[in-house]
Amino acid sequence: ILLLLPLGDRVNNRKLLTIFAAGQLIALLAMALAADFRVFVIASSVLGFATITPYLVPAYVTKRVKPERVGHVTGILTAGITAGLLASRGGAGALGHFFGWRAAYWVGAALALAVLVIVPLIMEKDEKLRDDSEPQESYGALIASLWPIVRTMPDVLLAGLLQALSFGFFLALWLGIGLHLTSAQMGYGVDVVGYLALLAASNILIAPWSGRLADRIGAEKVRVLFAIVQWIGAILLFIAGTSIWILIVPIILSNFGGASMDVANRTILFGRAPEIRTRLMTIYIVIMFLGGGLSSWVGTAAYAWGGWDAIAGMSLVFATLILGLALWGQHSRKT
C-alpha cells in the first residue's frame, strides 16, 4: 500500500487497476498450479502485493459523485468489501471441503479474470490527473510527498490514529473472544467463534446507513456518535463475563462502531483535496494497519497476563482514547 497506492494520483486509475488485476490473476493461477510450496509462497506474496484495488477504488469513485453523497457511496463500498470478505471465507471453506484446496484458487482466478474484463469497460479511459504544464514528478518525489501531507494536514493523522485504535480494538477483542470461548472456563468449540463472527455481516447493513448519516449531519458528529457506541460496548465486556448471550451485545456494538468509524474517517478524507486523494488513503491505511499489528501483539500479551479481564480492560482503554480523540477532532473542526 505504501509503495503502490500513491501511484493512483499520477497514473491513470483504469490502467493501474488493469495491471494489478492481471497481477492477481497470474498469482492465483500460480497458486492453483503450484507443485512446490516455495512457488506457492512466492505467488501468495505477489498476490498480497498486487491487491490494492479495495483501497484505490474508493478514492477513484468518490471523485465522481456529488460532495453530499460521498458518505453514502463510501458506506456502499465498505459494505461491498465486507460482503466479499465474508463470502470468500465461507465459500473457500466449502470449496476446499468438497473439491480440494486448489479449487478456491481456481475460483479466485476466475474472479480476477472477470475484474480484468470489467475494469476497462466501466472506468474512464482518459483520466486527467494533473496539469500537463507542471513538471513530471518522479516516483521517489511522489513517495516523499507523503510526509509533508501528514505534517500540513492534521485531519489525516487524526483519522489514521482513530482508525488504528478502532481496528486495534476490533482485532484485540476478537483475539480475546476466540481464546475466552475456547478456554476451559467457557468450554465452547472454535465453531461457535465462527458463528459469532457472522455477526460481522451486520456491517453490510450499517455501513451505507452510517454513510448517509455522515452526509446529513457531518462526519465528525457521526465519528463521535459511534465512538460512544464502541465505548458502551467496551463497558459491557466486563458485564458479559462467561455469558455468551450477553457477549453478543458488545460484539454487535463494536461491529457497528468500528465500521461506522471507518466510513466517517474516509468521508472526512474524501472531502479533502481530490488531487491527492489516494495519497491521503495511503497514509490512512498504513497507520491503520500499523495500529492493528501492534494491537494484535498487545492483545496477545494482555490475555497471557490477565486473561479475559485484561482484554476487556484493554478494550475500554482503546475505546476511551477513541472517544477522546473523536471529541477533540469535532472541537478542532468547529474552531
C-alpha atoms as a PDB file:
ATOM      1  CA  ILE A   1       0.000   0.000   0.000  1.00  0.00           C
ATOM      2  CA  LEU A   2       2.789   2.420   0.926  1.00  0.00           C
ATOM      3  CA  LEU A   3       4.752   1.782  -2.273  1.00  0.00           C
ATOM      4  CA  LEU A   4       1.934   1.338  -4.803  1.00  0.00           C
ATOM      5  CA  LEU A   5      -1.215   3.197  -3.736  1.00  0.00           C
ATOM      6  CA  PRO A   6       0.254   6.733  -4.185  1.00  0.00           C
ATOM      7  CA  LEU A   7       0.567   5.949  -7.911  1.00  0.00           C
ATOM      8  CA  GLY A   8      -3.199   6.498  -8.088  1.00  0.00           C
ATOM      9  CA  ASP A   9      -2.564  10.266  -8.007  1.00  0.00           C
ATOM     10  CA  ARG A  10      -0.254  10.141 -11.046  1.00  0.00           C
ATOM     11  CA  VAL A  11      -1.129   7.100 -13.178  1.00  0.00           C
ATOM     12  CA  ASN A  12      -4.426   6.559 -14.991  1.00  0.00           C
ATOM     13  CA  ASN A  13      -6.508   4.533 -12.495  1.00  0.00           C
ATOM     14  CA  ARG A  14      -8.022   2.374 -15.243  1.00  0.00           C
ATOM     15  CA  LYS A  15      -4.554   1.348 -16.400  1.00  0.00           C
ATOM     16  CA  LEU A  16      -3.346   0.880 -12.827  1.00  0.00           C
ATOM     17  CA  LEU A  17      -6.231  -1.382 -11.812  1.00  0.00           C
ATOM     18  CA  THR A  18      -5.904  -3.389 -15.012  1.00  0.00           C
ATOM     19  CA  ILE A  19      -2.223  -4.032 -14.267  1.00  0.00           C
ATOM     20  CA  PHE A  20      -2.951  -5.064 -10.671  1.00  0.00           C
ATOM     21  CA  ALA A  21      -5.880  -7.284 -11.692  1.00  0.00           C
ATOM     22  CA  ALA A  22      -3.541  -9.016 -14.153  1.00  0.00           C
ATOM     23  CA  GLY A  23      -1.008  -9.461 -11.346  1.00  0.00           C
ATOM     24  CA  GLN A  24      -3.683 -11.015  -9.136  1.00  0.00           C
ATOM     25  CA  LEU A  25      -4.757 -13.366 -11.941  1.00  0.00           C
ATOM     26  CA  ILE A  26      -1.196 -14.557 -12.583  1.00  0.00           C
ATOM     27  CA  ALA A  27      -0.527 -15.037  -8.849  1.00  0.00           C
ATOM     28  CA  LEU A  28      -3.753 -17.012  -8.307  1.00  0.00           C
ATOM     29  CA  LEU A  29      -3.052 -19.261 -11.287  1.00  0.00           C
ATOM     30  CA  ALA A  30       0.430 -19.912  -9.937  1.00  0.00           C
ATOM     31  CA  MET A  31      -1.027 -20.813  -6.537  1.00  0.00           C
ATOM     32  CA  ALA A  32      -3.623 -23.129  -8.101  1.00  0.00           C
ATOM     33  CA  LEU A  33      -0.965 -24.913 -10.180  1.00  0.00           C
ATOM     34  CA  ALA A  34       1.875 -24.878  -7.625  1.00  0.00           C
ATOM     35  CA  ALA A  35       3.568 -28.235  -7.118  1.00  0.00           C
ATOM     36  CA  ASP A  36       6.208 -26.781  -4.779  1.00  0.00           C
ATOM     37  CA  PHE A  37       5.461 -24.955  -1.537  1.00  0.00           C
ATOM     38  CA  ARG A  38       8.119 -22.307  -2.250  1.00  0.00           C
ATOM     39  CA  VAL A  39       6.362 -21.403  -5.507  1.00  0.00           C
ATOM     40  CA  PHE A  40       3.085 -21.186  -3.593  1.00  0.00           C
ATOM     41  CA  VAL A  41       4.592 -18.803  -1.010  1.00  0.00           C
ATOM     42  CA  ILE A  42       6.132 -16.554  -3.675  1.00  0.00           C
ATOM     43  CA  ALA A  43       2.849 -16.418  -5.607  1.00  0.00           C
ATOM     44  CA  SER A  44       0.952 -15.670  -2.392  1.00  0.00           C
ATOM     45  CA  SER A  45       3.321 -12.775  -1.676  1.00  0.00           C
ATOM     46  CA  VAL A  46       2.809 -11.393  -5.189  1.00  0.00           C
ATOM     47  CA  LEU A  47      -0.957 -11.684  -4.714  1.00  0.00           C
ATOM     48  CA  GLY A  48      -0.795  -9.671  -1.495  1.00  0.00           C
ATOM     49  CA  PHE A  49       1.422  -7.051  -3.145  1.00  0.00           C
ATOM     50  CA  ALA A  50      -0.938  -6.651  -6.106  1.00  0.00           C
ATOM     51  CA  THR A  51      -4.160  -6.459  -4.101  1.00  0.00           C
ATOM     52  CA  ILE A  52      -4.610  -2.705  -3.625  1.00  0.00           C
ATOM     53  CA  THR A  53      -7.921  -2.491  -5.506  1.00  0.00           C
ATOM     54  CA  PRO A  54     -10.057  -2.150  -2.317  1.00  0.00           C
ATOM     55  CA  TYR A  55      -8.068   0.974  -1.402  1.00  0.00           C
ATOM     56  CA  LEU A  56      -7.772   2.553  -4.851  1.00  0.00           C
ATOM     57  CA  VAL A  57     -11.402   2.158  -5.989  1.00  0.00           C
ATOM     58  CA  PRO A  58     -12.991   4.293  -3.201  1.00  0.00           C
ATOM     59  CA  ALA A  59     -10.672   7.224  -3.959  1.00  0.00           C
ATOM     60  CA  TYR A  60     -11.499   6.894  -7.669  1.00  0.00           C
ATOM     61  CA  VAL A  61     -15.269   6.598  -7.205  1.00  0.00           C
ATOM     62  CA  THR A  62     -15.684   9.407  -4.665  1.00  0.00           C
ATOM     63  CA  LYS A  63     -14.142  11.892  -7.091  1.00  0.00           C
ATOM     64  CA  ARG A  64     -17.090  11.205  -9.405  1.00  0.00           C
ATOM     65  CA  VAL A  65     -20.050  11.769  -7.104  1.00  0.00           C
ATOM     66  CA  LYS A  66     -21.565  14.912  -5.637  1.00  0.00           C
ATOM     67  CA  PRO A  67     -19.959  16.008  -2.332  1.00  0.00           C
ATOM     68  CA  GLU A  68     -23.229  15.490  -0.467  1.00  0.00           C
ATOM     69  CA  ARG A  69     -23.223  11.779  -1.478  1.00  0.00           C
ATOM     70  CA  VAL A  70     -19.611  10.922  -0.594  1.00  0.00           C
ATOM     71  CA  GLY A  71     -20.528   9.373   2.775  1.00  0.00           C
ATOM     72  CA  HIS A  72     -23.284   7.181   1.349  1.00  0.00           C
ATOM     73  CA  VAL A  73     -21.096   5.975  -1.522  1.00  0.00           C
ATOM     74  CA  THR A  74     -18.225   5.277   0.893  1.00  0.00           C
ATOM     75  CA  GLY A  75     -20.629   3.212   3.019  1.00  0.00           C
ATOM     76  CA  ILE A  76     -21.775   1.196  -0.008  1.00  0.00           C
ATOM     77  CA  LEU A  77     -18.166   0.435  -0.956  1.00  0.00           C
ATOM     78  CA  THR A  78     -17.362  -0.570   2.633  1.00  0.00           C
ATOM     79  CA  ALA A  79     -20.382  -2.892   2.662  1.00  0.00           C
ATOM     80  CA  GLY A  80     -19.170  -4.419  -0.608  1.00  0.00           C
ATOM     81  CA  ILE A  81     -15.747  -5.155   0.860  1.00  0.00           C
ATOM     82  CA  THR A  82     -17.345  -6.739   3.950  1.00  0.00           C
ATOM     83  CA  ALA A  83     -19.641  -8.880   1.785  1.00  0.00           C
ATOM     84  CA  GLY A  84     -16.669 -10.024  -0.291  1.00  0.00           C
ATOM     85  CA  LEU A  85     -14.647 -10.959   2.792  1.00  0.00           C
ATOM     86  CA  LEU A  86     -17.478 -12.945   4.356  1.00  0.00           C
ATOM     87  CA  ALA A  87     -18.426 -14.696   1.110  1.00  0.00           C
ATOM     88  CA  SER A  88     -14.822 -15.585   0.295  1.00  0.00           C
ATOM     89  CA  ARG A  89     -14.088 -17.029   3.727  1.00  0.00           C
ATOM     90  CA  GLY A  90     -17.248 -19.117   3.808  1.00  0.00           C
ATOM     91  CA  GLY A  91     -17.021 -20.059   0.144  1.00  0.00           C
ATOM     92  CA  ALA A  92     -13.347 -21.025   0.296  1.00  0.00           C
ATOM     93  CA  GLY A  93     -14.062 -23.389   3.197  1.00  0.00           C
ATOM     94  CA  ALA A  94     -16.855 -25.107   1.279  1.00  0.00           C
ATOM     95  CA  LEU A  95     -14.798 -25.348  -1.919  1.00  0.00           C
ATOM     96  CA  GLY A  96     -11.859 -26.817  -0.035  1.00  0.00           C
ATOM     97  CA  HIS A  97     -14.056 -29.366   1.711  1.00  0.00           C
ATOM     98  CA  PHE A  98     -15.866 -30.638  -1.378  1.00  0.00           C
ATOM     99  CA  PHE A  99     -13.402 -30.054  -4.239  1.00  0.00           C
ATOM    100  CA  GLY A 100      -9.933 -29.871  -2.676  1.00  0.00           C
ATOM    101  CA  TRP A 101      -7.786 -26.945  -1.575  1.00  0.00           C
ATOM    102  CA  ARG A 102      -6.851 -25.832  -5.125  1.00  0.00           C
ATOM    103  CA  ALA A 103     -10.495 -25.132  -6.019  1.00  0.00           C
ATOM    104  CA  ALA A 104     -10.566 -21.858  -4.062  1.00  0.00           C
ATOM    105  CA  TYR A 105      -7.621 -20.531  -6.089  1.00  0.00           C
ATOM    106  CA  TRP A 106      -9.185 -21.548  -9.400  1.00  0.00           C
ATOM    107  CA  VAL A 107     -12.375 -19.693  -8.446  1.00  0.00           C
ATOM    108  CA  GLY A 108     -10.277 -16.742  -7.280  1.00  0.00           C
ATOM    109  CA  ALA A 109      -8.501 -16.714 -10.643  1.00  0.00           C
ATOM    110  CA  ALA A 110     -11.861 -16.713 -12.436  1.00  0.00           C
ATOM    111  CA  LEU A 111     -12.996 -13.727 -10.361  1.00  0.00           C
ATOM    112  CA  ALA A 112      -9.725 -11.881 -11.072  1.00  0.00           C
ATOM    113  CA  LEU A 113     -10.259 -12.551 -14.792  1.00  0.00           C
ATOM    114  CA  ALA A 114     -13.771 -11.105 -14.509  1.00  0.00           C
ATOM    115  CA  VAL A 115     -12.354  -7.958 -12.887  1.00  0.00           C
ATOM    116  CA  LEU A 116      -9.725  -7.754 -15.623  1.00  0.00           C
ATOM    117  CA  VAL A 117     -12.505  -7.742 -18.240  1.00  0.00           C
ATOM    118  CA  ILE A 118     -14.898  -5.422 -16.393  1.00  0.00           C
ATOM    119  CA  VAL A 119     -12.466  -2.680 -15.288  1.00  0.00           C
ATOM    120  CA  PRO A 120     -11.625  -1.402 -18.799  1.00  0.00           C
ATOM    121  CA  LEU A 121     -15.344  -1.296 -19.622  1.00  0.00           C
ATOM    122  CA  ILE A 122     -16.549   0.801 -16.677  1.00  0.00           C
ATOM    123  CA  MET A 123     -13.615   3.122 -15.889  1.00  0.00           C
ATOM    124  CA  GLU A 124     -12.605   6.295 -17.705  1.00  0.00           C
ATOM    125  CA  LYS A 125     -10.089   5.787 -20.492  1.00  0.00           C
ATOM    126  CA  ASP A 126      -8.742   9.341 -20.410  1.00  0.00           C
ATOM    127  CA  GLU A 127      -8.469  10.460 -16.797  1.00  0.00           C
ATOM    128  CA  LYS A 128      -6.972  13.903 -16.192  1.00  0.00           C
ATOM    129  CA  LEU A 129      -4.924  13.585 -13.008  1.00  0.00           C
ATOM    130  CA  ARG A 130      -2.603  16.591 -13.261  1.00  0.00           C
ATOM    131  CA  ASP A 131      -1.898  19.781 -15.138  1.00  0.00           C
ATOM    132  CA  ASP A 132       0.307  18.965 -18.166  1.00  0.00           C
ATOM    133  CA  SER A 133       2.121  22.280 -17.723  1.00  0.00           C
ATOM    134  CA  GLU A 134       3.526  21.026 -14.405  1.00  0.00           C
ATOM    135  CA  PRO A 135       6.860  19.150 -14.463  1.00  0.00           C
ATOM    136  CA  GLN A 136       6.543  15.357 -14.205  1.00  0.00           C
ATOM    137  CA  GLU A 137       7.040  14.235 -10.620  1.00  0.00           C
ATOM    138  CA  SER A 138       9.399  11.307 -10.087  1.00  0.00           C
ATOM    139  CA  TYR A 139       8.282   8.188  -8.243  1.00  0.00           C
ATOM    140  CA  GLY A 140      10.674   8.992  -5.382  1.00  0.00           C
ATOM    141  CA  ALA A 141       9.245  12.510  -5.067  1.00  0.00           C
ATOM    142  CA  LEU A 142       5.714  11.073  -5.080  1.00  0.00           C
ATOM    143  CA  ILE A 143       6.501   8.781  -2.124  1.00  0.00           C
ATOM    144  CA  ALA A 144       8.448  11.537  -0.353  1.00  0.00           C
ATOM    145  CA  SER A 145       5.425  13.856  -0.641  1.00  0.00           C
ATOM    146  CA  LEU A 146       3.550  11.721   1.916  1.00  0.00           C
ATOM    147  CA  TRP A 147       5.418  13.282   4.858  1.00  0.00           C
ATOM    148  CA  PRO A 148       4.558  16.928   4.045  1.00  0.00           C
ATOM    149  CA  ILE A 149       0.897  15.863   3.720  1.00  0.00           C
ATOM    150  CA  VAL A 150       0.983  14.331   7.209  1.00  0.00           C
ATOM    151  CA  ARG A 151       2.671  17.458   8.578  1.00  0.00           C
ATOM    152  CA  THR A 152       0.324  20.001   6.993  1.00  0.00           C
ATOM    153  CA  MET A 153      -2.995  18.101   7.180  1.00  0.00           C
ATOM    154  CA  PRO A 154      -3.628  17.048  10.809  1.00  0.00           C
ATOM    155  CA  ASP A 155      -7.046  15.654   9.812  1.00  0.00           C
ATOM    156  CA  VAL A 156      -5.294  12.805   8.014  1.00  0.00           C
ATOM    157  CA  LEU A 157      -3.162  11.885  11.003  1.00  0.00           C
ATOM    158  CA  LEU A 158      -6.148  12.094  13.359  1.00  0.00           C
ATOM    159  CA  ALA A 159      -8.306   9.895  11.101  1.00  0.00           C
ATOM    160  CA  GLY A 160      -5.466   7.381  10.831  1.00  0.00           C
ATOM    161  CA  LEU A 161      -4.922   7.272  14.602  1.00  0.00           C
ATOM    162  CA  LEU A 162      -8.642   6.875  15.257  1.00  0.00           C
ATOM    163  CA  GLN A 163      -8.898   4.011  12.794  1.00  0.00           C
ATOM    164  CA  ALA A 164      -5.683   2.422  14.121  1.00  0.00           C
ATOM    165  CA  LEU A 165      -7.224   2.362  17.603  1.00  0.00           C
ATOM    166  CA  SER A 166     -10.614   1.214  16.277  1.00  0.00           C
ATOM    167  CA  PHE A 167      -9.049  -1.552  14.180  1.00  0.00           C
ATOM    168  CA  GLY A 168      -6.833  -2.498  17.118  1.00  0.00           C
ATOM    169  CA  PHE A 169      -9.885  -2.631  19.407  1.00  0.00           C
ATOM    170  CA  PHE A 170     -11.614  -4.923  16.906  1.00  0.00           C
ATOM    171  CA  LEU A 171      -8.631  -7.280  16.492  1.00  0.00           C
ATOM    172  CA  ALA A 172      -7.816  -7.475  20.202  1.00  0.00           C
ATOM    173  CA  LEU A 173     -11.481  -8.097  21.031  1.00  0.00           C
ATOM    174  CA  TRP A 174     -11.808 -10.970  18.567  1.00  0.00           C
ATOM    175  CA  LEU A 175      -8.479 -12.439  19.651  1.00  0.00           C
ATOM    176  CA  GLY A 176      -9.765 -12.375  23.222  1.00  0.00           C
ATOM    177  CA  ILE A 177     -13.174 -13.795  22.260  1.00  0.00           C
ATOM    178  CA  GLY A 178     -11.540 -16.726  20.456  1.00  0.00           C
ATOM    179  CA  LEU A 179      -9.323 -17.552  23.428  1.00  0.00           C
ATOM    180  CA  HIS A 180     -12.050 -16.871  26.014  1.00  0.00           C
ATOM    181  CA  LEU A 181     -14.759 -19.033  24.424  1.00  0.00           C
ATOM    182  CA  THR A 182     -12.431 -21.995  23.851  1.00  0.00           C
ATOM    183  CA  SER A 183     -10.930 -21.807  27.343  1.00  0.00           C
ATOM    184  CA  ALA A 184     -11.673 -24.452  29.972  1.00  0.00           C
ATOM    185  CA  GLN A 185     -13.843 -21.927  31.816  1.00  0.00           C
ATOM    186  CA  MET A 186     -16.220 -21.443  28.843  1.00  0.00           C
ATOM    187  CA  GLY A 187     -15.734 -24.776  27.029  1.00  0.00           C
ATOM    188  CA  TYR A 188     -17.029 -23.829  23.560  1.00  0.00           C
ATOM    189  CA  GLY A 189     -15.528 -25.063  20.285  1.00  0.00           C
ATOM    190  CA  VAL A 190     -13.995 -22.961  17.535  1.00  0.00           C
ATOM    191  CA  ASP A 191     -17.211 -23.415  15.529  1.00  0.00           C
ATOM    192  CA  VAL A 192     -19.014 -21.112  17.993  1.00  0.00           C
ATOM    193  CA  VAL A 193     -16.367 -18.436  17.411  1.00  0.00           C
ATOM    194  CA  GLY A 194     -17.110 -18.781  13.689  1.00  0.00           C
ATOM    195  CA  TYR A 195     -20.844 -18.393  14.254  1.00  0.00           C
ATOM    196  CA  LEU A 196     -20.279 -15.222  16.268  1.00  0.00           C
ATOM    197  CA  ALA A 197     -18.019 -13.904  13.505  1.00  0.00           C
ATOM    198  CA  LEU A 198     -21.039 -13.995  11.205  1.00  0.00           C
ATOM    199  CA  LEU A 199     -22.337 -11.029  13.211  1.00  0.00           C
ATOM    200  CA  ALA A 200     -19.861  -9.014  11.149  1.00  0.00           C
ATOM    201  CA  ALA A 201     -22.420  -9.352   8.361  1.00  0.00           C
ATOM    202  CA  SER A 202     -24.339  -6.594  10.139  1.00  0.00           C
ATOM    203  CA  ASN A 203     -21.719  -4.193   8.754  1.00  0.00           C
ATOM    204  CA  ILE A 204     -23.240  -4.725   5.290  1.00  0.00           C
ATOM    205  CA  LEU A 205     -26.398  -3.020   6.542  1.00  0.00           C
ATOM    206  CA  ILE A 206     -24.912  -0.423   8.885  1.00  0.00           C
ATOM    207  CA  ALA A 207     -22.171   0.974   6.607  1.00  0.00           C
ATOM    208  CA  PRO A 208     -24.418   2.572   3.924  1.00  0.00           C
ATOM    209  CA  TRP A 209     -26.725   3.924   6.644  1.00  0.00           C
ATOM    210  CA  SER A 210     -23.850   5.492   8.612  1.00  0.00           C
ATOM    211  CA  GLY A 211     -22.543   6.971   5.350  1.00  0.00           C
ATOM    212  CA  ARG A 212     -25.892   8.656   4.682  1.00  0.00           C
ATOM    213  CA  LEU A 213     -25.903   9.902   8.273  1.00  0.00           C
ATOM    214  CA  ALA A 214     -22.424  11.389   7.767  1.00  0.00           C
ATOM    215  CA  ASP A 215     -23.687  13.230   4.683  1.00  0.00           C
ATOM    216  CA  ARG A 216     -26.661  14.577   6.620  1.00  0.00           C
ATOM    217  CA  ILE A 217     -25.217  15.663   9.993  1.00  0.00           C
ATOM    218  CA  GLY A 218     -21.475  15.709   9.317  1.00  0.00           C
ATOM    219  CA  ALA A 219     -18.810  13.009   9.510  1.00  0.00           C
ATOM    220  CA  GLU A 220     -17.225  14.485  12.664  1.00  0.00           C
ATOM    221  CA  LYS A 221     -20.505  14.160  14.578  1.00  0.00           C
ATOM    222  CA  VAL A 222     -21.003  10.607  13.310  1.00  0.00           C
ATOM    223  CA  ARG A 223     -17.488   9.762  14.434  1.00  0.00           C
ATOM    224  CA  VAL A 224     -18.285  10.924  17.974  1.00  0.00           C
ATOM    225  CA  LEU A 225     -21.645   9.111  17.963  1.00  0.00           C
ATOM    226  CA  PHE A 226     -20.137   5.744  17.093  1.00  0.00           C
ATOM    227  CA  ALA A 227     -17.152   6.289  19.367  1.00  0.00           C
ATOM    228  CA  ILE A 228     -19.748   6.421  22.167  1.00  0.00           C
ATOM    229  CA  VAL A 229     -21.268   3.181  20.817  1.00  0.00           C
ATOM    230  CA  GLN A 230     -17.843   1.497  20.944  1.00  0.00           C
ATOM    231  CA  TRP A 231     -17.259   2.824  24.478  1.00  0.00           C
ATOM    232  CA  ILE A 232     -20.577   1.388  25.708  1.00  0.00           C
ATOM    233  CA  GLY A 233     -19.681  -1.948  24.064  1.00  0.00           C
ATOM    234  CA  ALA A 234     -16.319  -1.965  25.878  1.00  0.00           C
ATOM    235  CA  ILE A 235     -18.010  -1.416  29.258  1.00  0.00           C
ATOM    236  CA  LEU A 236     -20.423  -4.289  28.574  1.00  0.00           C
ATOM    237  CA  LEU A 237     -17.470  -6.662  28.095  1.00  0.00           C
ATOM    238  CA  PHE A 238     -16.925  -6.564  31.856  1.00  0.00           C
ATOM    239  CA  ILE A 239     -20.587  -7.409  32.464  1.00  0.00           C
ATOM    240  CA  ALA A 240     -20.596 -10.290  29.945  1.00  0.00           C
ATOM    241  CA  GLY A 241     -18.240 -12.494  31.971  1.00  0.00           C
ATOM    242  CA  THR A 242     -18.948 -16.093  31.000  1.00  0.00           C
ATOM    243  CA  SER A 243     -22.354 -15.408  29.395  1.00  0.00           C
ATOM    244  CA  ILE A 244     -22.182 -15.871  25.639  1.00  0.00           C
ATOM    245  CA  TRP A 245     -25.611 -14.270  25.199  1.00  0.00           C
ATOM    246  CA  ILE A 246     -24.607 -11.028  26.924  1.00  0.00           C
ATOM    247  CA  LEU A 247     -21.326 -11.087  24.955  1.00  0.00           C
ATOM    248  CA  ILE A 248     -23.289 -10.835  21.702  1.00  0.00           C
ATOM    249  CA  VAL A 249     -24.386  -7.263  22.596  1.00  0.00           C
ATOM    250  CA  PRO A 250     -20.863  -5.705  22.853  1.00  0.00           C
ATOM    251  CA  ILE A 251     -19.817  -7.681  19.757  1.00  0.00           C
ATOM    252  CA  ILE A 252     -22.635  -6.075  17.743  1.00  0.00           C
ATOM    253  CA  LEU A 253     -21.906  -2.618  19.192  1.00  0.00           C
ATOM    254  CA  SER A 254     -18.187  -2.917  18.404  1.00  0.00           C
ATOM    255  CA  ASN A 255     -19.017  -4.043  14.852  1.00  0.00           C
ATOM    256  CA  PHE A 256     -21.382  -1.108  14.348  1.00  0.00           C
ATOM    257  CA  GLY A 257     -18.980   1.363  15.920  1.00  0.00           C
ATOM    258  CA  GLY A 258     -15.904   0.134  14.071  1.00  0.00           C
ATOM    259  CA  ALA A 259     -17.494   0.014  10.611  1.00  0.00           C
ATOM    260  CA  SER A 260     -19.147   3.411  11.036  1.00  0.00           C
ATOM    261  CA  MET A 261     -15.939   4.957  12.389  1.00  0.00           C
ATOM    262  CA  ASP A 262     -14.146   3.793   9.234  1.00  0.00           C
ATOM    263  CA  VAL A 263     -16.873   5.217   6.965  1.00  0.00           C
ATOM    264  CA  ALA A 264     -16.809   8.560   8.829  1.00  0.00           C
ATOM    265  CA  ASN A 265     -12.998   8.796   8.681  1.00  0.00           C
ATOM    266  CA  ARG A 266     -12.926   8.041   4.971  1.00  0.00           C
ATOM    267  CA  THR A 267     -15.740  10.514   4.297  1.00  0.00           C
ATOM    268  CA  ILE A 268     -13.694  13.249   6.006  1.00  0.00           C
ATOM    269  CA  LEU A 269     -10.596  12.398   3.944  1.00  0.00           C
ATOM    270  CA  PHE A 270     -12.559  12.166   0.685  1.00  0.00           C
ATOM    271  CA  GLY A 271     -13.807  15.685   1.353  1.00  0.00           C
ATOM    272  CA  ARG A 272     -10.246  16.990   1.164  1.00  0.00           C
ATOM    273  CA  ALA A 273      -8.053  17.773  -1.867  1.00  0.00           C
ATOM    274  CA  PRO A 274      -9.126  15.415  -4.735  1.00  0.00           C
ATOM    275  CA  GLU A 275      -5.751  15.690  -6.485  1.00  0.00           C
ATOM    276  CA  ILE A 276      -4.000  13.888  -3.589  1.00  0.00           C
ATOM    277  CA  ARG A 277      -6.866  11.642  -2.521  1.00  0.00           C
ATOM    278  CA  THR A 278      -5.109   8.301  -2.995  1.00  0.00           C
ATOM    279  CA  ARG A 279      -2.115   9.571  -1.032  1.00  0.00           C
ATOM    280  CA  LEU A 280      -4.473  10.538   1.790  1.00  0.00           C
ATOM    281  CA  MET A 281      -5.812   6.971   1.663  1.00  0.00           C
ATOM    282  CA  THR A 282      -2.249   5.623   1.683  1.00  0.00           C
ATOM    283  CA  ILE A 283      -1.406   7.453   4.907  1.00  0.00           C
ATOM    284  CA  TYR A 284      -4.718   6.461   6.486  1.00  0.00           C
ATOM    285  CA  ILE A 285      -4.474   2.755   5.629  1.00  0.00           C
ATOM    286  CA  VAL A 286      -0.792   2.437   6.583  1.00  0.00           C
ATOM    287  CA  ILE A 287      -1.418   3.990  10.019  1.00  0.00           C
ATOM    288  CA  MET A 288      -4.482   1.751  10.435  1.00  0.00           C
ATOM    289  CA  PHE A 289      -2.539  -1.454   9.707  1.00  0.00           C
ATOM    290  CA  LEU A 290       0.382  -0.420  11.919  1.00  0.00           C
ATOM    291  CA  GLY A 291      -2.084   0.126  14.754  1.00  0.00           C
ATOM    292  CA  GLY A 292      -3.768  -3.201  14.037  1.00  0.00           C
ATOM    293  CA  GLY A 293      -0.482  -5.095  14.035  1.00  0.00           C
ATOM    294  CA  LEU A 294       0.678  -3.502  17.282  1.00  0.00           C
ATOM    295  CA  SER A 295      -2.711  -4.103  18.920  1.00  0.00           C
ATOM    296  CA  SER A 296      -2.646  -7.799  17.973  1.00  0.00           C
ATOM    297  CA  TRP A 297       0.670  -8.141  19.783  1.00  0.00           C
ATOM    298  CA  VAL A 298      -0.529  -6.144  22.815  1.00  0.00           C
ATOM    299  CA  GLY A 299      -3.779  -8.129  22.903  1.00  0.00           C
ATOM    300  CA  THR A 300      -1.900 -11.438  22.969  1.00  0.00           C
ATOM    301  CA  ALA A 301       0.334 -10.187  25.782  1.00  0.00           C
ATOM    302  CA  ALA A 302      -2.686  -8.835  27.693  1.00  0.00           C
ATOM    303  CA  TYR A 303      -4.536 -12.163  27.542  1.00  0.00           C
ATOM    304  CA  ALA A 304      -1.429 -14.070  28.594  1.00  0.00           C
ATOM    305  CA  TRP A 305      -1.065 -11.706  31.566  1.00  0.00           C
ATOM    306  CA  GLY A 306      -4.630 -11.290  32.791  1.00  0.00           C
ATOM    307  CA  GLY A 307      -6.994 -13.390  30.666  1.00  0.00           C
ATOM    308  CA  TRP A 308     -10.386 -12.062  29.586  1.00  0.00           C
ATOM    309  CA  ASP A 309     -10.428  -9.243  32.162  1.00  0.00           C
ATOM    310  CA  ALA A 310      -7.200  -7.856  30.678  1.00  0.00           C
ATOM    311  CA  ILE A 311      -8.715  -7.909  27.172  1.00  0.00           C
ATOM    312  CA  ALA A 312     -11.813  -6.108  28.476  1.00  0.00           C
ATOM    313  CA  GLY A 313      -9.621  -3.532  30.210  1.00  0.00           C
ATOM    314  CA  MET A 314      -7.517  -3.007  27.085  1.00  0.00           C
ATOM    315  CA  SER A 315     -10.692  -2.592  25.005  1.00  0.00           C
ATOM    316  CA  LEU A 316     -12.009   0.053  27.401  1.00  0.00           C
ATOM    317  CA  VAL A 317      -8.712   1.967  27.257  1.00  0.00           C
ATOM    318  CA  PHE A 318      -8.802   1.909  23.456  1.00  0.00           C
ATOM    319  CA  ALA A 319     -12.484   2.934  23.352  1.00  0.00           C
ATOM    320  CA  THR A 320     -11.824   5.815  25.770  1.00  0.00           C
ATOM    321  CA  LEU A 321      -8.917   7.056  23.637  1.00  0.00           C
ATOM    322  CA  ILE A 322     -11.100   6.810  20.510  1.00  0.00           C
ATOM    323  CA  LEU A 323     -13.873   8.841  22.149  1.00  0.00           C
ATOM    324  CA  GLY A 324     -11.441  11.468  23.413  1.00  0.00           C
ATOM    325  CA  LEU A 325      -9.781  11.894  20.002  1.00  0.00           C
ATOM    326  CA  ALA A 326     -13.156  11.991  18.221  1.00  0.00           C
ATOM    327  CA  LEU A 327     -14.376  14.759  20.559  1.00  0.00           C
ATOM    328  CA  TRP A 328     -11.119  16.655  20.071  1.00  0.00           C
ATOM    329  CA  GLY A 329     -11.468  16.315  16.287  1.00  0.00           C
ATOM    330  CA  GLN A 330     -15.007  17.668  16.380  1.00  0.00           C
ATOM    331  CA  HIS A 331     -13.922  20.621  18.532  1.00  0.00           C
ATOM    332  CA  SER A 332     -10.967  21.352  16.219  1.00  0.00           C
ATOM    333  CA  ARG A 333     -13.245  21.288  13.186  1.00  0.00           C
ATOM    334  CA  LYS A 334     -15.566  23.841  14.776  1.00  0.00           C
ATOM    335  CA  THR A 335     -12.723  26.187  15.686  1.00  0.00           C
END
